[in-house]
Protein backbone atom coordinates (compact mmCIF):
# COMPACT_ATOMS: atom_id res chain seq x y z
CA UNK A 1 3.05 -0.28 13.62
CA UNK A 2 6.10 1.02 15.53
CA UNK A 3 6.78 4.62 14.72
CA UNK A 4 9.76 6.85 15.48
CA UNK A 5 9.00 10.45 16.13
CA UNK A 6 11.72 12.84 16.59
CA UNK A 7 12.02 16.12 18.64
CA UNK A 8 14.78 18.20 17.39
CA UNK A 9 15.07 20.65 20.25
CA UNK A 10 15.87 18.05 22.66
CA UNK A 11 17.50 15.61 20.33
CA UNK A 12 15.12 12.65 21.54
CA UNK A 13 13.14 10.18 19.86
CA UNK A 14 10.07 8.55 20.92
CA UNK A 15 9.71 4.71 19.97
CA UNK A 16 5.90 4.13 20.07
CA UNK A 17 3.37 1.74 18.97
CA UNK A 18 -0.29 2.12 17.71
CA UNK A 19 -2.96 -0.15 16.03
CA UNK A 20 -4.98 3.02 14.88
CA UNK A 21 -4.51 5.88 12.47
CA UNK A 22 -0.99 6.91 12.25
CA UNK A 23 -1.98 10.61 11.00
CA UNK A 24 -4.23 10.74 14.27
CA UNK A 25 -1.31 9.56 16.76
CA UNK A 26 1.17 12.09 15.10
CA UNK A 27 -1.27 14.97 15.44
CA UNK A 28 -1.50 14.44 19.16
CA UNK A 29 2.39 14.08 19.36
CA UNK A 30 2.77 17.36 17.16
CA UNK A 31 0.18 18.97 19.54
CA UNK A 32 2.79 18.50 22.38
CA UNK A 33 5.82 19.00 20.38
CA UNK A 34 5.28 21.55 17.56
CA UNK A 35 8.44 21.33 16.14
CA UNK A 36 8.52 17.30 16.15
CA UNK A 37 8.21 15.32 13.27
CA UNK A 38 7.74 11.35 11.99
CA UNK A 39 11.00 9.83 11.04
CA UNK A 40 9.67 6.44 9.76
CA UNK A 41 8.11 3.08 10.79
CA UNK A 42 8.18 -0.32 10.70
CA UNK A 43 5.64 -3.42 10.75
CA UNK A 44 5.26 -4.77 14.13
CA UNK A 45 3.18 -5.31 17.20
CA UNK A 46 3.32 -4.35 20.93
CA UNK A 47 6.11 -7.05 21.14
CA UNK A 48 8.53 -5.20 18.63
CA UNK A 49 8.16 -1.92 20.65
CA UNK A 50 8.88 -3.68 23.70
CA UNK A 51 11.91 -5.33 22.05
CA UNK A 52 13.40 -1.91 21.05
CA UNK A 53 12.61 -0.60 24.33
CA UNK A 54 14.60 -3.21 25.84
CA UNK A 55 17.46 -2.92 23.02
CA UNK A 56 17.89 0.63 23.74
CA UNK A 57 17.44 0.83 27.36
CA UNK A 58 20.44 2.56 28.37
CA UNK A 59 19.48 5.59 26.25
CA UNK A 60 15.94 6.06 27.73
CA UNK A 61 15.18 9.41 28.85
CA UNK A 62 12.98 8.60 31.69
CA UNK A 63 12.63 4.77 33.11
CA UNK A 64 9.43 3.33 31.77
CA UNK A 65 8.83 6.04 29.18
CA UNK A 66 9.15 6.05 25.16
CA UNK A 67 11.45 8.76 24.67
CA UNK A 68 15.08 7.87 23.94
CA UNK A 69 18.18 9.89 23.23
CA UNK A 70 18.95 10.16 19.43
CA UNK A 71 22.39 8.97 19.54
CA UNK A 72 24.75 6.10 18.93
CA UNK A 73 22.89 2.84 18.24
CA UNK A 74 19.50 4.34 18.44
CA UNK A 75 20.39 6.78 15.93
CA UNK A 76 22.15 4.21 13.97
CA UNK A 77 19.19 1.76 14.01
CA UNK A 78 16.67 4.47 13.04
CA UNK A 79 18.95 5.93 10.16
CA UNK A 80 19.16 2.26 8.91
CA UNK A 81 15.49 1.75 8.84
CA UNK A 82 14.88 5.07 7.14
CA UNK A 83 17.17 4.42 4.27
CA UNK A 84 15.51 1.30 3.77
CA UNK A 85 12.40 2.91 3.39
CA UNK A 86 13.70 5.75 1.17
CA UNK A 87 14.86 3.48 -1.37
CA UNK A 88 10.76 3.43 -2.53
CA UNK A 89 10.76 7.27 -1.83
CA UNK A 90 10.72 9.95 -4.77
CA UNK A 91 14.13 11.58 -5.68
CA UNK A 92 12.80 15.22 -4.71
CA UNK A 93 11.71 14.04 -1.26
CA UNK A 94 15.25 12.24 -0.54
CA UNK A 95 16.99 15.56 -1.62
CA UNK A 96 14.81 17.91 0.68
CA UNK A 97 15.35 15.38 3.44
CA UNK A 98 19.02 15.41 3.15
CA UNK A 99 18.93 19.36 2.97
CA UNK A 100 16.80 19.28 5.97
CA UNK A 101 19.01 17.04 7.73
CA UNK A 102 22.45 19.31 7.08
CA UNK A 103 20.14 22.40 8.40
CA UNK A 104 19.38 20.61 11.54
CA UNK A 105 22.94 19.40 12.02
CA UNK A 106 24.14 22.93 11.42
CA UNK A 107 21.69 24.52 13.79
CA UNK A 108 19.66 26.38 11.36
CA UNK A 109 16.44 24.52 10.63
CA UNK A 110 14.64 27.75 10.02
CA UNK A 111 16.66 27.52 6.67
CA UNK A 112 14.91 24.03 5.84
CA UNK A 113 12.21 23.98 3.27
CA UNK A 114 11.05 20.76 5.18
CA UNK A 115 10.84 22.67 8.25
CA UNK A 116 8.72 25.57 6.43
CA UNK A 117 6.26 22.90 5.15
CA UNK A 118 5.79 20.93 8.39
CA UNK A 119 5.87 23.91 10.64
CA UNK A 120 3.22 25.85 8.58
CA UNK A 121 0.95 22.78 8.34
CA UNK A 122 1.01 21.95 12.06
CA UNK A 123 0.55 25.39 13.63
CA UNK A 124 -1.78 26.56 10.64
CA UNK A 125 -4.71 27.03 13.07
CA UNK A 126 -2.93 29.13 15.53
CA UNK A 127 -1.23 31.23 13.03
CA UNK A 128 -2.75 34.59 11.61
CA UNK A 129 -3.13 33.09 8.11
CA UNK A 130 -5.75 34.20 5.50
CA UNK A 131 -8.32 31.75 4.17
CA UNK A 132 -6.33 31.94 0.98
CA UNK A 133 -2.97 30.83 2.97
CA UNK A 134 -4.25 28.21 5.13
CA UNK A 135 -5.79 26.26 2.18
CA UNK A 136 -2.48 26.71 0.22
CA UNK A 137 -0.22 25.35 3.19
CA UNK A 138 -2.76 22.36 4.00
CA UNK A 139 -3.22 21.22 0.24
CA UNK A 140 0.87 21.63 -0.27
CA UNK A 141 1.38 19.26 2.70
CA UNK A 142 -1.54 16.93 2.07
CA UNK A 143 -0.60 16.50 -1.63
CA UNK A 144 3.33 16.32 -1.33
CA UNK A 145 4.31 15.32 2.31
CA UNK A 146 1.56 13.49 4.02
CA UNK A 147 1.97 10.23 1.81
CA UNK A 148 5.42 10.20 3.10
CA UNK A 149 5.76 11.78 6.48
CA UNK A 150 2.50 10.37 7.81
CA UNK A 151 3.39 7.00 6.89
CA UNK A 152 0.42 6.74 4.79
CA UNK A 153 -0.03 3.87 2.24
CA UNK A 154 -0.87 6.26 -0.72
CA UNK A 155 1.02 7.05 -4.12
CA UNK A 156 4.12 9.46 -3.80
CA UNK A 157 4.25 11.99 -6.23
CA UNK A 158 7.12 12.01 -8.92
CA UNK A 159 7.67 15.60 -8.95
CA UNK A 160 7.79 17.57 -5.71
CA UNK A 161 6.64 21.23 -4.83
CA UNK A 162 7.74 23.83 -7.69
CA UNK A 163 9.87 26.57 -6.59
CA UNK A 164 7.24 29.04 -7.10
CA UNK A 165 5.43 27.22 -4.30
CA UNK A 166 8.38 26.99 -2.14
CA UNK A 167 8.89 30.66 -2.32
CA UNK A 168 5.40 31.09 -1.48
CA UNK A 169 5.74 28.87 1.70
CA UNK A 170 8.74 30.61 2.69
CA UNK A 171 7.27 34.07 2.15
CA UNK A 172 4.06 32.93 4.38
CA UNK A 173 6.82 31.50 6.91
CA UNK A 174 8.70 34.72 7.12
CA UNK A 175 5.50 36.78 7.43
CA UNK A 176 3.41 34.90 9.87
CA UNK A 177 5.85 33.38 12.41
CA UNK A 178 6.51 36.33 14.40
CA UNK A 179 9.73 38.23 14.09
CA UNK A 180 11.58 35.73 11.68
CA UNK A 181 14.18 37.24 10.19
CA UNK A 182 16.60 35.43 7.97
CA UNK A 183 19.81 36.65 6.05
CA UNK A 184 22.13 35.06 3.91
CA UNK A 185 25.54 36.28 3.06
CA UNK A 186 28.43 34.78 0.84
CA UNK A 187 30.18 33.36 3.93
CA UNK A 188 27.82 33.74 6.81
CA UNK A 189 24.35 33.00 7.55
CA UNK A 190 22.46 34.56 10.61
CA UNK A 191 18.94 33.40 11.63
CA UNK A 192 17.21 35.31 14.51
CA UNK A 193 14.03 34.07 15.79
CA UNK A 194 11.76 35.91 17.95
CA UNK A 195 8.81 34.40 20.24
CA UNK A 196 7.79 31.63 18.40
CA UNK A 197 8.91 28.85 20.48
CA UNK A 198 11.67 28.10 18.10
CA UNK A 199 15.46 28.49 18.84
CA UNK A 200 16.67 31.93 19.94
CA UNK A 201 19.56 33.87 18.07
CA UNK A 202 21.91 31.57 16.10
CA UNK A 203 24.56 32.53 14.13
CA UNK A 204 26.64 30.38 11.99
CA UNK A 205 30.04 31.26 9.91
CA UNK A 206 31.26 28.91 7.31
C-alpha cells in the first residue's frame, strides 16, 4: 500500500509504502510528527511508490527522501485520489474534513474538530488526562475516525460524533493542552497557543 501522510506545520507530505499494518506505520510517524495525519492511500507495490517519487522529484524536500512539498501537481494528484476515496465516505466525515481543511488554510487549525480529535488521540499518553478522559478520547477515535483516517478496511458509521461528544472533546482539549485559549467574536477569531508544540499566537480578522 502507498500512503500519503501530511505534516501541516511544514506543508510537506510523505509518500511512503508499507507491506505491514498501516496503523502501525502511522503510529510511528505520529510519534515523530505529532501534528501530522494520514490523508489517503492507494493500492500498489514498491514500484508505484517509486513511480510517484520520480514523477514529483522536483518537489522533493531532500534528495532520495520520501518527503515532498505539498503544492502544485503533488497536491492536485493527492486531492484527486482523496476525492475518489471520499465518494465512499459518510457525509458527516466529508463535512468534518472540509471544515478542517478551511481551518488549516486560514491558519486556525486549533478551531478544527478533526484536529482536536486526532491531537488528543495521538498525544493521550503524554497529556495529563484522567482515566475517564483517556478512555473517552480513545473510544471516540477508534469508533468514528480510525476506520477512515488509518485506512482500515472496516465499516464506516453512518452517523458521526454527537454535538455533546464534540463539546466534551473541545473541553478536554482546551483544559489539557497547556495554555490553550480560543476566543471567537462576530468578525474576529483569535487563537493563542502556549507551549504545546503547536503554532504560536495567531490572529485572523474576517
